[in-house]
């Protein structure tokens, strides 16, 4: 069975929920703590969305999954419909068993 995925700017393909616009799996993003500390929440979400390869992502949620002395690693989810509307070639078909892949 096929499902929809979306290609990020980094070339990775991520599976979409059945709604066709929400990411199913969190995208790993690493941020320097200095970037986190020096910004407000809205700018932080803009930065992580761009770093994840979806600069127009909305309704972001994130989970911090790791850290070092100078950075944090988080998983990011969100609505990528604006990115898809901007470039429909980002949509790809995936097998249901297929994981995020580099292409």
PDB file of N, CA and C in Angstrom:
ATOM      1  N   UNK A   1       0.848  -1.179   0.000  1.00  0.00           N
ATOM      2  CA  UNK A   1       0.000   0.000   0.000  1.00  0.00           C
ATOM      3  C   UNK A   1       0.896   1.246   0.000  1.00  0.00           C
ATOM      4  N   UNK A   2       0.451   2.287  -0.652  1.00  0.00           N
ATOM      5  CA  UNK A   2       1.222   3.524  -0.772  1.00  0.00           C
ATOM      6  C   UNK A   2       0.666   4.590   0.170  1.00  0.00           C
ATOM      7  N   UNK A   3       1.558   5.433   0.650  1.00  0.00           N
ATOM      8  CA  UNK A   3       1.166   6.604   1.429  1.00  0.00           C
ATOM      9  C   UNK A   3       1.981   7.779   0.910  1.00  0.00           C
ATOM     10  N   UNK A   4       1.655   8.972   1.366  1.00  0.00           N
ATOM     11  CA  UNK A   4       2.361  10.164   0.910  1.00  0.00           C
ATOM     12  C   UNK A   4       3.508  10.509   1.831  1.00  0.00           C
ATOM     13  N   UNK A   5       4.564  10.997   1.231  1.00  0.00           N
ATOM     14  CA  UNK A   5       5.696  11.539   1.961  1.00  0.00           C
ATOM     15  C   UNK A   5       6.018  12.901   1.391  1.00  0.00           C
ATOM     16  N   UNK A   6       6.926  13.595   2.028  1.00  0.00           N
ATOM     17  CA  UNK A   6       7.328  14.923   1.568  1.00  0.00           C
ATOM     18  C   UNK A   6       8.846  15.020   1.679  1.00  0.00           C
ATOM     19  N   UNK A   7       9.459  15.607   0.643  1.00  0.00           N
ATOM     20  CA  UNK A   7      10.910  15.735   0.594  1.00  0.00           C
ATOM     21  C   UNK A   7      11.331  17.070   1.202  1.00  0.00           C
ATOM     22  N   UNK A   8      12.225  17.009   2.190  1.00  0.00           N
ATOM     23  CA  UNK A   8      12.774  18.213   2.817  1.00  0.00           C
ATOM     24  C   UNK A   8      13.893  18.775   1.949  1.00  0.00           C
ATOM     25  N   UNK A   9      14.301  19.983   2.235  1.00  0.00           N
ATOM     26  CA  UNK A   9      15.374  20.640   1.484  1.00  0.00           C
ATOM     27  C   UNK A   9      16.679  19.848   1.566  1.00  0.00           C
ATOM     28  N   UNK A  10      16.861  19.055   2.622  1.00  0.00           N
ATOM     29  CA  UNK A  10      18.082  18.257   2.773  1.00  0.00           C
ATOM     30  C   UNK A  10      18.038  16.952   1.977  1.00  0.00           C
ATOM     31  N   UNK A  11      16.936  16.710   1.239  1.00  0.00           N
ATOM     32  CA  UNK A  11      16.806  15.521   0.413  1.00  0.00           C
ATOM     33  C   UNK A  11      16.136  14.348   1.083  1.00  0.00           C
ATOM     34  N   UNK A  12      15.963  14.404   2.409  1.00  0.00           N
ATOM     35  CA  UNK A  12      15.299  13.317   3.117  1.00  0.00           C
ATOM     36  C   UNK A  12      13.805  13.363   2.850  1.00  0.00           C
ATOM     37  N   UNK A  13      13.195  12.177   2.816  1.00  0.00           N
ATOM     38  CA  UNK A  13      11.752  12.064   2.618  1.00  0.00           C
ATOM     39  C   UNK A  13      11.137  11.625   3.937  1.00  0.00           C
ATOM     40  N   UNK A  14      10.085  12.322   4.360  1.00  0.00           N
ATOM     41  CA  UNK A  14       9.402  12.029   5.614  1.00  0.00           C
ATOM     42  C   UNK A  14       7.950  11.686   5.338  1.00  0.00           C
ATOM     43  N   UNK A  15       7.436  10.683   6.047  1.00  0.00           N
ATOM     44  CA  UNK A  15       6.061  10.230   5.875  1.00  0.00           C
ATOM     45  C   UNK A  15       5.083  11.282   6.419  1.00  0.00           C
ATOM     46  N   UNK A  16       3.952  11.426   5.713  1.00  0.00           N
ATOM     47  CA  UNK A  16       2.888  12.333   6.146  1.00  0.00           C
ATOM     48  C   UNK A  16       1.759  11.542   6.788  1.00  0.00           C
ATOM     49  N   UNK A  17       1.058  12.180   7.723  1.00  0.00           N
ATOM     50  CA  UNK A  17      -0.146  11.598   8.308  1.00  0.00           C
ATOM     51  C   UNK A  17      -1.201  11.461   7.206  1.00  0.00           C
ATOM     52  N   UNK A  18      -2.314  10.794   7.507  1.00  0.00           N
ATOM     53  CA  UNK A  18      -3.377  10.597   6.529  1.00  0.00           C
ATOM     54  C   UNK A  18      -3.973  11.907   6.015  1.00  0.00           C
ATOM     55  N   UNK A  19      -3.807  13.004   6.791  1.00  0.00           N
ATOM     56  CA  UNK A  19      -4.337  14.294   6.342  1.00  0.00           C
ATOM     57  C   UNK A  19      -3.531  14.875   5.172  1.00  0.00           C
ATOM     58  N   UNK A  20      -2.361  14.284   4.893  1.00  0.00           N
ATOM     59  CA  UNK A  20      -1.548  14.706   3.754  1.00  0.00           C
ATOM     60  C   UNK A  20      -0.724  15.953   3.966  1.00  0.00           C
ATOM     61  N   UNK A  21      -0.735  16.529   5.167  1.00  0.00           N
ATOM     62  CA  UNK A  21       0.024  17.757   5.405  1.00  0.00           C
ATOM     63  C   UNK A  21       0.817  17.762   6.711  1.00  0.00           C
ATOM     64  N   UNK A  22       0.566  16.812   7.615  1.00  0.00           N
ATOM     65  CA  UNK A  22       1.231  16.794   8.912  1.00  0.00           C
ATOM     66  C   UNK A  22       2.295  15.701   8.929  1.00  0.00           C
ATOM     67  N   UNK A  23       3.464  16.033   9.437  1.00  0.00           N
ATOM     68  CA  UNK A  23       4.545  15.062   9.510  1.00  0.00           C
ATOM     69  C   UNK A  23       4.224  13.982  10.531  1.00  0.00           C
ATOM     70  N   UNK A  24       4.444  12.708  10.151  1.00  0.00           N
ATOM     71  CA  UNK A  24       4.182  11.589  11.048  1.00  0.00           C
ATOM     72  C   UNK A  24       5.334  11.401  12.031  1.00  0.00           C
ATOM     73  N   UNK A  25       6.555  11.502  11.537  1.00  0.00           N
ATOM     74  CA  UNK A  25       7.740  11.281  12.356  1.00  0.00           C
ATOM     75  C   UNK A  25       8.441  12.606  12.620  1.00  0.00           C
ATOM     76  N   UNK A  26       9.019  12.733  13.801  1.00  0.00           N
ATOM     77  CA  UNK A  26       9.759  13.945  14.121  1.00  0.00           C
ATOM     78  C   UNK A  26      11.044  14.036  13.306  1.00  0.00           C
ATOM     79  N   UNK A  27      11.365  15.231  12.857  1.00  0.00           N
ATOM     80  CA  UNK A  27      12.594  15.473  12.112  1.00  0.00           C
ATOM     81  C   UNK A  27      13.675  15.856  13.114  1.00  0.00           C
ATOM     82  N   UNK A  28      14.804  15.151  13.115  1.00  0.00           N
ATOM     83  CA  UNK A  28      15.867  15.526  14.045  1.00  0.00           C
ATOM     84  C   UNK A  28      16.521  16.853  13.643  1.00  0.00           C
ATOM     85  N   UNK A  29      16.653  17.758  14.593  1.00  0.00           N
ATOM     86  CA  UNK A  29      17.269  19.066  14.378  1.00  0.00           C
ATOM     87  C   UNK A  29      18.226  19.327  15.531  1.00  0.00           C
ATOM     88  N   UNK A  30      19.424  19.801  15.216  1.00  0.00           N
ATOM     89  CA  UNK A  30      20.407  20.174  16.246  1.00  0.00           C
ATOM     90  C   UNK A  30      20.559  21.687  16.208  1.00  0.00           C
ATOM     91  N   UNK A  31      20.462  22.322  17.363  1.00  0.00           N
ATOM     92  CA  UNK A  31      20.605  23.774  17.463  1.00  0.00           C
ATOM     93  C   UNK A  31      21.653  24.118  18.508  1.00  0.00           C
ATOM     94  N   UNK A  32      22.431  25.134  18.211  1.00  0.00           N
ATOM     95  CA  UNK A  32      23.382  25.651  19.191  1.00  0.00           C
ATOM     96  C   UNK A  32      22.601  26.353  20.299  1.00  0.00           C
ATOM     97  N   UNK A  33      23.006  26.136  21.527  1.00  0.00           N
ATOM     98  CA  UNK A  33      22.322  26.775  22.651  1.00  0.00           C
ATOM     99  C   UNK A  33      22.344  28.292  22.545  1.00  0.00           C
ATOM    100  N   UNK A  34      23.417  28.847  22.005  1.00  0.00           N
ATOM    101  CA  UNK A  34      23.480  30.307  21.859  1.00  0.00           C
ATOM    102  C   UNK A  34      22.367  30.809  20.945  1.00  0.00           C
ATOM    103  N   UNK A  35      21.990  30.023  19.926  1.00  0.00           N
ATOM    104  CA  UNK A  35      20.887  30.418  19.045  1.00  0.00           C
ATOM    105  C   UNK A  35      19.550  30.340  19.767  1.00  0.00           C
ATOM    106  N   UNK A  36      19.403  29.355  20.648  1.00  0.00           N
ATOM    107  CA  UNK A  36      18.158  29.197  21.407  1.00  0.00           C
ATOM    108  C   UNK A  36      18.013  30.330  22.412  1.00  0.00           C
ATOM    109  N   UNK A  37      19.077  30.634  23.112  1.00  0.00           N
ATOM    110  CA  UNK A  37      19.043  31.631  24.185  1.00  0.00           C
ATOM    111  C   UNK A  37      18.814  33.037  23.647  1.00  0.00           C
ATOM    112  N   UNK A  38      19.328  33.312  22.438  1.00  0.00           N
ATOM    113  CA  UNK A  38      19.284  34.677  21.915  1.00  0.00           C
ATOM    114  C   UNK A  38      18.037  34.994  21.098  1.00  0.00           C
ATOM    115  N   UNK A  39      16.990  34.191  21.190  1.00  0.00           N
ATOM    116  CA  UNK A  39      15.810  34.438  20.369  1.00  0.00           C
ATOM    117  C   UNK A  39      14.527  34.227  21.165  1.00  0.00           C
ATOM    118  N   UNK A  40      13.404  34.655  20.588  1.00  0.00           N
ATOM    119  CA  UNK A  40      12.106  34.406  21.208  1.00  0.00           C
ATOM    120  C   UNK A  40      11.506  33.137  20.599  1.00  0.00           C
ATOM    121  N   UNK A  41      10.370  32.688  21.105  1.00  0.00           N
ATOM    122  CA  UNK A  41       9.770  31.427  20.679  1.00  0.00           C
ATOM    123  C   UNK A  41       9.442  31.427  19.183  1.00  0.00           C
ATOM    124  N   UNK A  42       8.865  32.505  18.687  1.00  0.00           N
ATOM    125  CA  UNK A  42       8.495  32.554  17.274  1.00  0.00           C
ATOM    126  C   UNK A  42       9.723  32.419  16.373  1.00  0.00           C
ATOM    127  N   UNK A  43      10.787  33.131  16.697  1.00  0.00           N
ATOM    128  CA  UNK A  43      12.016  33.024  15.906  1.00  0.00           C
ATOM    129  C   UNK A  43      12.649  31.642  16.049  1.00  0.00           C
ATOM    130  N   UNK A  44      12.601  31.074  17.252  1.00  0.00           N
ATOM    131  CA  UNK A  44      13.106  29.727  17.484  1.00  0.00           C
ATOM    132  C   UNK A  44      12.401  28.735  16.563  1.00  0.00           C
ATOM    133  N   UNK A  45      11.061  28.800  16.502  1.00  0.00           N
ATOM    134  CA  UNK A  45      10.302  27.888  15.649  1.00  0.00           C
ATOM    135  C   UNK A  45      10.621  28.106  14.174  1.00  0.00           C
ATOM    136  N   UNK A  46      10.828  29.358  13.771  1.00  0.00           N
ATOM    137  CA  UNK A  46      11.236  29.638  12.385  1.00  0.00           C
ATOM    138  C   UNK A  46      12.588  29.010  12.076  1.00  0.00           C
ATOM    139  N   UNK A  47      13.531  29.129  13.008  1.00  0.00           N
ATOM    140  CA  UNK A  47      14.878  28.589  12.803  1.00  0.00           C
ATOM    141  C   UNK A  47      14.840  27.070  12.689  1.00  0.00           C
ATOM    142  N   UNK A  48      14.147  26.394  13.605  1.00  0.00           N
ATOM    143  CA  UNK A  48      14.133  24.929  13.561  1.00  0.00           C
ATOM    144  C   UNK A  48      13.380  24.419  12.337  1.00  0.00           C
ATOM    145  N   UNK A  49      12.338  25.126  11.921  1.00  0.00           N
ATOM    146  CA  UNK A  49      11.609  24.721  10.713  1.00  0.00           C
ATOM    147  C   UNK A  49      12.502  24.816   9.488  1.00  0.00           C
ATOM    148  N   UNK A  50      13.235  25.914   9.380  1.00  0.00           N
ATOM    149  CA  UNK A  50      14.158  26.071   8.262  1.00  0.00           C
ATOM    150  C   UNK A  50      15.266  25.021   8.314  1.00  0.00           C
ATOM    151  N   UNK A  51      15.826  24.787   9.500  1.00  0.00           N
ATOM    152  CA  UNK A  51      16.874  23.768   9.649  1.00  0.00           C
ATOM    153  C   UNK A  51      16.360  22.374   9.287  1.00  0.00           C
ATOM    154  N   UNK A  52      15.079  22.116   9.518  1.00  0.00           N
ATOM    155  CA  UNK A  52      14.484  20.817   9.188  1.00  0.00           C
ATOM    156  C   UNK A  52      14.206  20.689   7.699  1.00  0.00           C
ATOM    157  N   UNK A  53      14.270  21.796   6.963  1.00  0.00           N
ATOM    158  CA  UNK A  53      14.041  21.747   5.528  1.00  0.00           C
ATOM    159  C   UNK A  53      12.650  22.156   5.097  1.00  0.00           C
ATOM    160  N   UNK A  54      11.856  22.679   6.027  1.00  0.00           N
ATOM    161  CA  UNK A  54      10.503  23.124   5.727  1.00  0.00           C
ATOM    162  C   UNK A  54      10.305  24.540   6.278  1.00  0.00           C
ATOM    163  N   UNK A  55      10.807  25.554   5.583  1.00  0.00           N
ATOM    164  CA  UNK A  55      10.795  26.920   6.122  1.00  0.00           C
ATOM    165  C   UNK A  55       9.405  27.503   6.339  1.00  0.00           C
ATOM    166  N   UNK A  56       8.375  26.934   5.709  1.00  0.00           N
ATOM    167  CA  UNK A  56       7.021  27.469   5.858  1.00  0.00           C
ATOM    168  C   UNK A  56       6.168  26.642   6.833  1.00  0.00           C
ATOM    169  N   UNK A  57       6.788  25.712   7.565  1.00  0.00           N
ATOM    170  CA  UNK A  57       6.058  24.841   8.495  1.00  0.00           C
ATOM    171  C   UNK A  57       5.269  25.662   9.513  1.00  0.00           C
ATOM    172  N   UNK A  58       4.067  25.170   9.824  1.00  0.00           N
ATOM    173  CA  UNK A  58       3.196  25.826  10.805  1.00  0.00           C
ATOM    174  C   UNK A  58       2.806  24.814  11.877  1.00  0.00           C
ATOM    175  N   UNK A  59       2.245  25.304  12.954  1.00  0.00           N
ATOM    176  CA  UNK A  59       1.755  24.467  14.062  1.00  0.00           C
ATOM    177  C   UNK A  59       2.822  23.487  14.537  1.00  0.00           C
ATOM    178  N   UNK A  60       4.025  24.014  14.732  1.00  0.00           N
ATOM    179  CA  UNK A  60       5.139  23.177  15.138  1.00  0.00           C
ATOM    180  C   UNK A  60       4.990  22.688  16.575  1.00  0.00           C
ATOM    181  N   UNK A  61       5.413  21.455  16.784  1.00  0.00           N
ATOM    182  CA  UNK A  61       5.614  20.924  18.121  1.00  0.00           C
ATOM    183  C   UNK A  61       6.993  20.281  18.116  1.00  0.00           C
ATOM    184  N   UNK A  62       7.614  20.208  19.269  1.00  0.00           N
ATOM    185  CA  UNK A  62       8.952  19.649  19.334  1.00  0.00           C
ATOM    186  C   UNK A  62       9.152  18.949  20.664  1.00  0.00           C
ATOM    187  N   UNK A  63      10.139  18.059  20.650  1.00  0.00           N
ATOM    188  CA  UNK A  63      10.537  17.346  21.862  1.00  0.00           C
ATOM    189  C   UNK A  63      12.056  17.353  21.904  1.00  0.00           C
ATOM    190  N   UNK A  64      12.619  17.800  23.005  1.00  0.00           N
ATOM    191  CA  UNK A  64      14.076  17.763  23.162  1.00  0.00           C
ATOM    192  C   UNK A  64      14.463  16.324  23.475  1.00  0.00           C
ATOM    193  N   UNK A  65      15.368  15.762  22.652  1.00  0.00           N
ATOM    194  CA  UNK A  65      15.745  14.358  22.794  1.00  0.00           C
ATOM    195  C   UNK A  65      17.207  14.168  23.180  1.00  0.00           C
ATOM    196  N   UNK A  66      17.974  15.264  23.246  1.00  0.00           N
ATOM    197  CA  UNK A  66      19.364  15.148  23.635  1.00  0.00           C
ATOM    198  C   UNK A  66      20.016  16.504  23.760  1.00  0.00           C
ATOM    199  N   UNK A  67      21.232  16.513  24.290  1.00  0.00           N
ATOM    200  CA  UNK A  67      21.962  17.770  24.433  1.00  0.00           C
ATOM    201  C   UNK A  67      23.439  17.493  24.614  1.00  0.00           C
ATOM    202  N   UNK A  68      24.239  18.496  24.326  1.00  0.00           N
ATOM    203  CA  UNK A  68      25.659  18.507  24.665  1.00  0.00           C
ATOM    204  C   UNK A  68      25.873  19.775  25.475  1.00  0.00           C
ATOM    205  N   UNK A  69      27.111  20.106  25.765  1.00  0.00           N
ATOM    206  CA  UNK A  69      27.361  21.338  26.519  1.00  0.00           C
ATOM    207  C   UNK A  69      27.018  22.579  25.712  1.00  0.00           C
ATOM    208  N   UNK A  70      26.965  22.464  24.372  1.00  0.00           N
ATOM    209  CA  UNK A  70      26.729  23.661  23.562  1.00  0.00           C
ATOM    210  C   UNK A  70      25.566  23.549  22.578  1.00  0.00           C
ATOM    211  N   UNK A  71      24.822  22.423  22.591  1.00  0.00           N
ATOM    212  CA  UNK A  71      23.716  22.294  21.633  1.00  0.00           C
ATOM    213  C   UNK A  71      22.608  21.416  22.205  1.00  0.00           C
ATOM    214  N   UNK A  72      21.440  21.508  21.582  1.00  0.00           N
ATOM    215  CA  UNK A  72      20.325  20.618  21.904  1.00  0.00           C
ATOM    216  C   UNK A  72      19.919  19.895  20.620  1.00  0.00           C
ATOM    217  N   UNK A  73      19.413  18.689  20.788  1.00  0.00           N
ATOM    218  CA  UNK A  73      18.847  17.933  19.671  1.00  0.00           C
ATOM    219  C   UNK A  73      17.372  17.772  19.960  1.00  0.00           C
ATOM    220  N   UNK A  74      16.543  18.060  18.971  1.00  0.00           N
ATOM    221  CA  UNK A  74      15.115  17.923  19.155  1.00  0.00           C
ATOM    222  C   UNK A  74      14.499  17.243  17.958  1.00  0.00           C
ATOM    223  N   UNK A  75      13.292  16.711  18.154  1.00  0.00           N
ATOM    224  CA  UNK A  75      12.483  16.193  17.067  1.00  0.00           C
ATOM    225  C   UNK A  75      11.362  17.191  16.841  1.00  0.00           C
ATOM    226  N   UNK A  76      11.108  17.487  15.578  1.00  0.00           N
ATOM    227  CA  UNK A  76      10.150  18.517  15.199  1.00  0.00           C
ATOM    228  C   UNK A  76       9.039  17.913  14.362  1.00  0.00           C
ATOM    229  N   UNK A  77       7.807  18.276  14.677  1.00  0.00           N
ATOM    230  CA  UNK A  77       6.633  17.896  13.900  1.00  0.00           C
ATOM    231  C   UNK A  77       5.903  19.174  13.512  1.00  0.00           C
ATOM    232  N   UNK A  78       5.070  19.103  12.464  1.00  0.00           N
ATOM    233  CA  UNK A  78       4.277  20.267  12.108  1.00  0.00           C
ATOM    234  C   UNK A  78       3.526  20.078  10.811  1.00  0.00           C
ATOM    235  N   UNK A  79       2.796  21.103  10.451  1.00  0.00           N
ATOM    236  CA  UNK A  79       1.988  21.144   9.239  1.00  0.00           C
ATOM    237  C   UNK A  79       2.849  21.726   8.119  1.00  0.00           C
ATOM    238  N   UNK A  80       3.091  20.927   7.084  1.00  0.00           N
ATOM    239  CA  UNK A  80       3.949  21.365   5.980  1.00  0.00           C
ATOM    240  C   UNK A  80       3.140  21.716   4.734  1.00  0.00           C
ATOM    241  N   UNK A  81       1.839  21.986   4.892  1.00  0.00           N
ATOM    242  CA  UNK A  81       0.987  22.270   3.732  1.00  0.00           C
ATOM    243  C   UNK A  81       1.452  23.506   2.966  1.00  0.00           C
ATOM    244  N   UNK A  82       1.946  24.527   3.648  1.00  0.00           N
ATOM    245  CA  UNK A  82       2.407  25.732   2.946  1.00  0.00           C
ATOM    246  C   UNK A  82       3.638  25.429   2.092  1.00  0.00           C
ATOM    247  N   UNK A  83       4.530  24.560   2.582  1.00  0.00           N
ATOM    248  CA  UNK A  83       5.690  24.155   1.795  1.00  0.00           C
ATOM    249  C   UNK A  83       5.243  23.369   0.563  1.00  0.00           C
ATOM    250  N   UNK A  84       4.253  22.476   0.748  1.00  0.00           N
ATOM    251  CA  UNK A  84       3.734  21.676  -0.366  1.00  0.00           C
ATOM    252  C   UNK A  84       3.035  22.579  -1.375  1.00  0.00           C
ATOM    253  N   UNK A  85       2.220  23.536  -0.892  1.00  0.00           N
ATOM    254  CA  UNK A  85       1.540  24.477  -1.793  1.00  0.00           C
ATOM    255  C   UNK A  85       2.552  25.276  -2.603  1.00  0.00           C
ATOM    256  N   UNK A  86       3.684  25.607  -1.980  1.00  0.00           N
ATOM    257  CA  UNK A  86       4.726  26.378  -2.647  1.00  0.00           C
ATOM    258  C   UNK A  86       5.458  25.546  -3.695  1.00  0.00           C
ATOM    259  N   UNK A  87       5.554  24.218  -3.485  1.00  0.00           N
ATOM    260  CA  UNK A  87       6.272  23.347  -4.415  1.00  0.00           C
ATOM    261  C   UNK A  87       5.701  21.935  -4.318  1.00  0.00           C
ATOM    262  N   UNK A  88       4.716  21.627  -5.170  1.00  0.00           N
ATOM    263  CA  UNK A  88       4.045  20.332  -5.118  1.00  0.00           C
ATOM    264  C   UNK A  88       4.972  19.172  -5.451  1.00  0.00           C
ATOM    265  N   UNK A  89       6.131  19.446  -6.048  1.00  0.00           N
ATOM    266  CA  UNK A  89       7.064  18.363  -6.362  1.00  0.00           C
ATOM    267  C   UNK A  89       7.695  17.776  -5.101  1.00  0.00           C
ATOM    268  N   UNK A  90       7.463  18.400  -3.950  1.00  0.00           N
ATOM    269  CA  UNK A  90       7.962  17.858  -2.682  1.00  0.00           C
ATOM    270  C   UNK A  90       7.239  16.578  -2.287  1.00  0.00           C
ATOM    271  N   UNK A  91       6.001  16.379  -2.791  1.00  0.00           N
ATOM    272  CA  UNK A  91       5.232  15.187  -2.450  1.00  0.00           C
ATOM    273  C   UNK A  91       5.788  13.974  -3.179  1.00  0.00           C
ATOM    274  N   UNK A  92       5.908  12.858  -2.483  1.00  0.00           N
ATOM    275  CA  UNK A  92       6.366  11.601  -3.077  1.00  0.00           C
ATOM    276  C   UNK A  92       5.514  10.459  -2.531  1.00  0.00           C
ATOM    277  N   UNK A  93       5.389   9.373  -3.313  1.00  0.00           N
ATOM    278  CA  UNK A  93       4.706   8.184  -2.838  1.00  0.00           C
ATOM    279  C   UNK A  93       5.702   7.304  -2.113  1.00  0.00           C
ATOM    280  N   UNK A  94       5.268   6.714  -0.993  1.00  0.00           N
ATOM    281  CA  UNK A  94       6.119   5.836  -0.199  1.00  0.00           C
ATOM    282  C   UNK A  94       5.374   4.537   0.049  1.00  0.00           C
ATOM    283  N   UNK A  95       6.128   3.435   0.143  1.00  0.00           N
ATOM    284  CA  UNK A  95       5.538   2.184   0.602  1.00  0.00           C
ATOM    285  C   UNK A  95       5.279   2.321   2.085  1.00  0.00           C
ATOM    286  N   UNK A  96       4.242   1.659   2.583  1.00  0.00           N
ATOM    287  CA  UNK A  96       3.890   1.784   3.997  1.00  0.00           C
ATOM    288  C   UNK A  96       5.008   1.353   4.931  1.00  0.00           C
ATOM    289  N   UNK A  97       5.850   0.415   4.501  1.00  0.00           N
ATOM    290  CA  UNK A  97       6.935  -0.066   5.349  1.00  0.00           C
ATOM    291  C   UNK A  97       8.172   0.820   5.263  1.00  0.00           C
ATOM    292  N   UNK A  98       8.198   1.717   4.312  1.00  0.00           N
ATOM    293  CA  UNK A  98       9.379   2.537   4.039  1.00  0.00           C
ATOM    294  C   UNK A  98       9.598   3.580   5.125  1.00  0.00           C
ATOM    295  N   UNK A  99      10.838   3.742   5.547  1.00  0.00           N
ATOM    296  CA  UNK A  99      11.222   4.758   6.522  1.00  0.00           C
ATOM    297  C   UNK A  99      11.685   6.004   5.786  1.00  0.00           C
ATOM    298  N   UNK A 100      11.951   7.071   6.527  1.00  0.00           N
ATOM    299  CA  UNK A 100      12.532   8.279   5.926  1.00  0.00           C
ATOM    300  C   UNK A 100      13.813   7.888   5.222  1.00  0.00           C
ATOM    301  N   UNK A 101      14.013   8.437   4.016  1.00  0.00           N
ATOM    302  CA  UNK A 101      15.162   8.036   3.213  1.00  0.00           C
ATOM    303  C   UNK A 101      15.862   9.248   2.628  1.00  0.00           C
ATOM    304  N   UNK A 102      17.164   9.078   2.362  1.00  0.00           N
ATOM    305  CA  UNK A 102      17.911  10.075   1.609  1.00  0.00           C
ATOM    306  C   UNK A 102      17.749   9.756   0.145  1.00  0.00           C
ATOM    307  N   UNK A 103      17.557  10.765  -0.674  1.00  0.00           N
ATOM    308  CA  UNK A 103      17.483  10.547  -2.125  1.00  0.00           C
ATOM    309  C   UNK A 103      18.360  11.527  -2.838  1.00  0.00           C
TER     310      UNK A 103
END
